[in-house]
Amino acid sequence: MTSHIGQERALLVSLDDALSDPQRVRAMASVACFAVDSPFYPGVRAPLPQGVAAEVERLSWPVLAEHFGCRRGLNIKNASFALTVTAPAQLRPPQRIPHYDGTSDSQFAALIHLGFDDLGGTGFFRHRSTGYESIGPERELSYFAALRSDLERFGRPKPSYIDESTAIYERIAVSSARFNRMILYRGNMLHSAMLRLPEGLSACPATGRLTITCFIDAD
């Protein structure tokens, strides 16, 4: 399923029943070694087994070629299992607002939901004062300058996950979580995990908001 988001009409592709054996992949996650690996991600991650990463690559390339016009191939990096575990009160200020993964149109994000329950999908946002829904290299400086002004005017966001529109950001779309659903989108889109609290903060792969997350370079 494809959809175009917001005023910029950015493309989001969803693929249901993506992995051939998601139960086996969940079993791999249950014995993986999760750890904090980033000051920005509000949770823990574990390296994705090579065979699973290869399957994500096989799933991703036809989508990137058909819908995003990629022709020369892809490179998957930072492929991991991920669990969102940080309590709202412990979120650092950058974790309370939408983020983007990079400014290049050639960088993509692939996410696969592996939780049986809907513990939260992915939200996409527009920055109100600039109108930006994605941050390319030509927008980065003006975006952060405007964001600083916004924070001076409205104050720091409260210690919570952003799950709806605020004075600074307008939520423009939500991709719902569904077991074994894969979504692909350009990483420069402003986005955030949508958390169902408190259930979504379990550190147990069997019950928490377990996902596969991959960053992909493709052109």
Protein backbone atom coordinates (compact mmCIF):
# COMPACT_ATOMS: atom_id res chain seq x y z
CA MET A 1 0.00 0.00 0.00
CA THR A 2 1.32 3.44 -0.87
CA SER A 3 0.26 6.84 0.44
CA HIS A 4 1.44 10.41 -0.04
CA ILE A 5 1.78 12.43 3.14
CA GLY A 6 1.13 16.08 3.83
CA GLN A 7 1.62 19.08 1.59
CA GLU A 8 4.96 17.78 0.35
CA ARG A 9 3.29 14.54 -0.77
CA ALA A 10 6.15 12.43 0.58
CA LEU A 11 5.79 8.74 -0.12
CA LEU A 12 5.13 6.09 2.51
CA VAL A 13 4.97 2.44 1.49
CA SER A 14 3.47 -0.28 3.72
CA LEU A 15 3.91 -4.00 3.13
CA ASP A 16 1.84 -6.39 5.26
CA ASP A 17 2.92 -9.96 6.04
CA ALA A 18 6.45 -8.97 5.14
CA LEU A 19 8.75 -11.54 6.75
CA SER A 20 8.39 -15.16 5.66
CA ASP A 21 8.70 -16.50 9.23
CA PRO A 22 8.12 -13.68 11.74
CA GLN A 23 7.75 -16.08 14.66
CA ARG A 24 11.28 -17.38 14.08
CA VAL A 25 12.54 -13.80 13.98
CA ARG A 26 10.77 -13.04 17.27
CA ALA A 27 12.50 -16.06 18.77
CA MET A 28 15.85 -14.63 17.66
CA ALA A 29 14.99 -11.34 19.35
CA SER A 30 14.16 -13.16 22.58
CA VAL A 31 17.80 -14.28 22.96
CA ALA A 32 19.44 -11.14 21.53
CA CYS A 33 21.65 -8.89 23.67
CA PHE A 34 19.93 -5.51 23.85
CA ALA A 35 21.84 -2.42 24.95
CA VAL A 36 21.73 1.36 24.72
CA ASP A 37 23.65 2.33 21.57
CA SER A 38 22.61 5.93 20.95
CA PRO A 39 22.00 9.06 23.02
CA PHE A 40 19.05 9.86 20.75
CA TYR A 41 17.07 6.61 20.55
CA PRO A 42 14.89 6.26 23.68
CA GLY A 43 15.43 2.57 24.13
CA VAL A 44 17.70 -0.39 23.50
CA ARG A 45 18.79 -2.20 20.36
CA ALA A 46 20.45 -5.45 19.36
CA PRO A 47 22.22 -6.30 16.10
CA LEU A 48 19.99 -7.96 13.53
CA PRO A 49 21.10 -11.47 12.49
CA GLN A 50 22.67 -11.47 9.04
CA GLY A 51 20.02 -13.73 7.50
CA VAL A 52 17.20 -11.46 8.68
CA ALA A 53 19.01 -8.38 7.39
CA ALA A 54 19.36 -10.12 4.02
CA GLU A 55 15.62 -10.76 3.96
CA VAL A 56 14.90 -7.10 4.74
CA GLU A 57 17.20 -6.18 1.85
CA ARG A 58 15.31 -8.51 -0.50
CA LEU A 59 12.01 -6.99 0.60
CA SER A 60 13.22 -3.41 0.35
CA TRP A 61 14.82 -3.31 -3.07
CA PRO A 62 11.71 -3.91 -5.21
CA VAL A 63 9.87 -1.23 -3.25
CA LEU A 64 12.70 1.28 -3.60
CA ALA A 65 13.05 0.55 -7.30
CA GLU A 66 9.35 0.68 -8.16
CA HIS A 67 8.12 3.48 -5.94
CA PHE A 68 11.17 5.66 -5.22
CA GLY A 69 12.95 5.31 -8.56
CA CYS A 70 16.17 3.79 -7.19
CA ARG A 71 18.27 2.05 -9.82
CA ARG A 72 21.81 1.37 -8.68
CA GLY A 73 21.35 -0.68 -5.53
CA LEU A 74 21.19 -0.32 -1.78
CA ASN A 75 23.32 -0.57 1.32
CA ILE A 76 21.71 -1.47 4.64
CA LYS A 77 23.35 -0.09 7.76
CA ASN A 78 22.47 -0.07 11.46
CA ALA A 79 20.10 -3.02 11.07
CA SER A 80 18.78 -3.91 14.51
CA PHE A 81 16.03 -5.15 16.76
CA ALA A 82 14.69 -2.22 18.77
CA LEU A 83 12.66 -1.81 21.95
CA THR A 84 11.44 1.59 23.15
CA VAL A 85 11.87 1.56 26.92
CA THR A 86 12.60 5.08 28.21
CA ALA A 87 9.96 6.42 30.57
CA PRO A 88 8.48 9.78 29.52
CA ALA A 89 9.88 11.56 32.59
CA GLN A 90 13.40 10.47 31.59
CA LEU A 91 13.28 11.65 27.98
CA ARG A 92 15.93 14.15 26.94
CA PRO A 93 14.56 17.28 25.18
CA PRO A 94 15.50 16.09 21.63
CA GLN A 95 13.57 12.87 22.28
CA ARG A 96 10.35 14.78 22.96
CA ILE A 97 10.00 16.16 19.43
CA PRO A 98 9.94 14.64 15.93
CA HIS A 99 13.31 13.81 14.43
CA TYR A 100 14.83 12.98 11.07
CA ASP A 101 17.51 10.41 10.27
CA GLY A 102 19.51 12.43 7.74
CA THR A 103 19.10 15.11 5.11
CA SER A 104 19.74 13.06 1.97
CA ASP A 105 16.93 11.97 -0.36
CA SER A 106 18.97 8.77 -0.83
CA GLN A 107 18.62 7.70 2.80
CA PHE A 108 15.61 5.58 3.73
CA ALA A 109 14.19 3.99 6.83
CA ALA A 110 12.68 0.51 6.95
CA LEU A 111 10.71 -0.57 10.00
CA ILE A 112 8.98 -3.89 10.69
CA HIS A 113 6.58 -4.31 13.61
CA LEU A 114 7.04 -7.59 15.48
CA GLY A 115 4.69 -7.03 18.41
CA PHE A 116 1.36 -8.84 18.44
CA ASP A 117 -0.43 -5.92 20.06
CA ASP A 118 -0.68 -2.41 18.64
CA LEU A 119 1.73 -0.66 20.99
CA GLY A 120 2.12 2.35 18.72
CA GLY A 121 2.94 3.06 15.11
CA THR A 122 4.84 5.96 13.53
CA GLY A 123 3.69 9.56 13.33
CA PHE A 124 4.73 12.11 10.72
CA PHE A 125 4.79 15.85 11.39
CA ARG A 126 4.96 19.33 9.89
CA HIS A 127 7.01 22.03 11.61
CA ARG A 128 4.48 24.83 11.88
CA SER A 129 6.64 27.93 11.67
CA THR A 130 8.58 26.82 8.57
CA GLY A 131 6.03 24.49 7.02
CA TYR A 132 8.76 21.87 6.63
CA GLU A 133 7.73 18.22 6.62
CA SER A 134 11.17 16.99 5.62
CA ILE A 135 14.63 18.41 6.25
CA GLY A 136 16.98 18.50 3.27
CA PRO A 137 20.49 19.99 3.44
CA GLU A 138 19.24 23.36 2.23
CA ARG A 139 16.68 23.52 5.06
CA GLU A 140 18.69 22.35 8.05
CA LEU A 141 20.07 25.68 9.23
CA SER A 142 16.79 27.55 8.83
CA TYR A 143 14.89 24.72 10.54
CA PHE A 144 17.05 24.80 13.65
CA ALA A 145 17.01 28.59 13.77
CA ALA A 146 13.21 28.56 13.64
CA LEU A 147 13.03 25.75 16.19
CA ARG A 148 15.17 27.75 18.63
CA SER A 149 12.77 30.65 18.25
CA ASP A 150 9.82 28.35 18.79
CA LEU A 151 11.32 26.97 21.99
CA GLU A 152 11.97 30.47 23.28
CA ARG A 153 8.35 31.37 22.56
CA PHE A 154 6.58 28.21 23.73
CA GLY A 155 9.11 26.69 26.11
CA ARG A 156 10.62 23.23 26.07
CA PRO A 157 8.20 20.40 25.31
CA LYS A 158 6.92 18.54 28.34
CA PRO A 159 8.66 15.25 29.18
CA SER A 160 6.51 12.96 27.05
CA TYR A 161 6.50 11.21 23.71
CA ILE A 162 4.97 13.38 21.02
CA ASP A 163 1.82 11.63 19.82
CA GLU A 164 -0.31 14.51 18.59
CA SER A 165 -0.14 18.04 17.29
CA THR A 166 1.51 20.67 19.50
CA ALA A 167 2.11 24.40 19.32
CA ILE A 168 5.32 23.72 17.36
CA TYR A 169 4.43 20.64 15.28
CA GLU A 170 1.33 19.48 13.43
CA ARG A 171 0.80 15.76 13.07
CA ILE A 172 0.01 15.06 9.43
CA ALA A 173 -0.17 11.25 9.26
CA VAL A 174 0.06 8.07 11.31
CA SER A 175 1.20 4.65 10.14
CA SER A 176 -0.48 2.13 12.43
CA ALA A 177 1.38 -0.78 13.97
CA ARG A 178 0.41 -4.24 12.75
CA PHE A 179 2.22 -7.52 13.33
CA ASN A 180 4.70 -8.19 10.51
CA ARG A 181 3.96 -4.90 8.76
CA MET A 182 6.93 -3.23 7.08
CA ILE A 183 7.02 0.47 6.23
CA LEU A 184 9.56 2.34 4.12
CA TYR A 185 10.01 6.11 3.85
CA ARG A 186 12.71 8.69 3.32
CA GLY A 187 14.65 9.29 6.51
CA ASN A 188 14.58 13.07 6.12
CA MET A 189 10.86 13.17 6.95
CA LEU A 190 10.01 14.52 10.40
CA HIS A 191 8.71 11.51 12.31
CA SER A 192 8.41 9.94 15.73
CA ALA A 193 7.39 6.66 17.32
CA MET A 194 3.83 6.70 18.61
CA LEU A 195 3.77 4.96 21.99
CA ARG A 196 0.87 3.33 23.76
CA LEU A 197 1.81 3.94 27.38
CA PRO A 198 2.74 2.29 29.62
CA GLU A 199 2.42 -1.04 27.81
CA GLY A 200 4.74 0.02 25.01
CA LEU A 201 7.72 0.53 27.31
CA SER A 202 8.38 -3.09 28.22
CA ALA A 203 12.02 -4.19 27.86
CA CYS A 204 10.87 -7.76 27.18
CA PRO A 205 10.91 -8.67 23.46
CA ALA A 206 7.91 -10.95 23.98
CA THR A 207 5.65 -8.16 25.24
CA GLY A 208 7.28 -4.82 24.34
CA ARG A 209 7.13 -2.64 21.23
CA LEU A 210 9.55 -4.85 19.31
CA THR A 211 10.56 -3.64 15.86
CA ILE A 212 13.23 -4.16 13.27
CA THR A 213 14.79 -0.87 12.23
CA CYS A 214 17.16 -0.40 9.32
CA PHE A 215 18.72 2.63 7.70
CA ILE A 216 19.22 2.21 3.97
CA ASP A 217 21.28 4.16 1.46
CA ALA A 218 19.90 3.71 -2.05
CA ASP A 219 19.98 5.58 -5.35
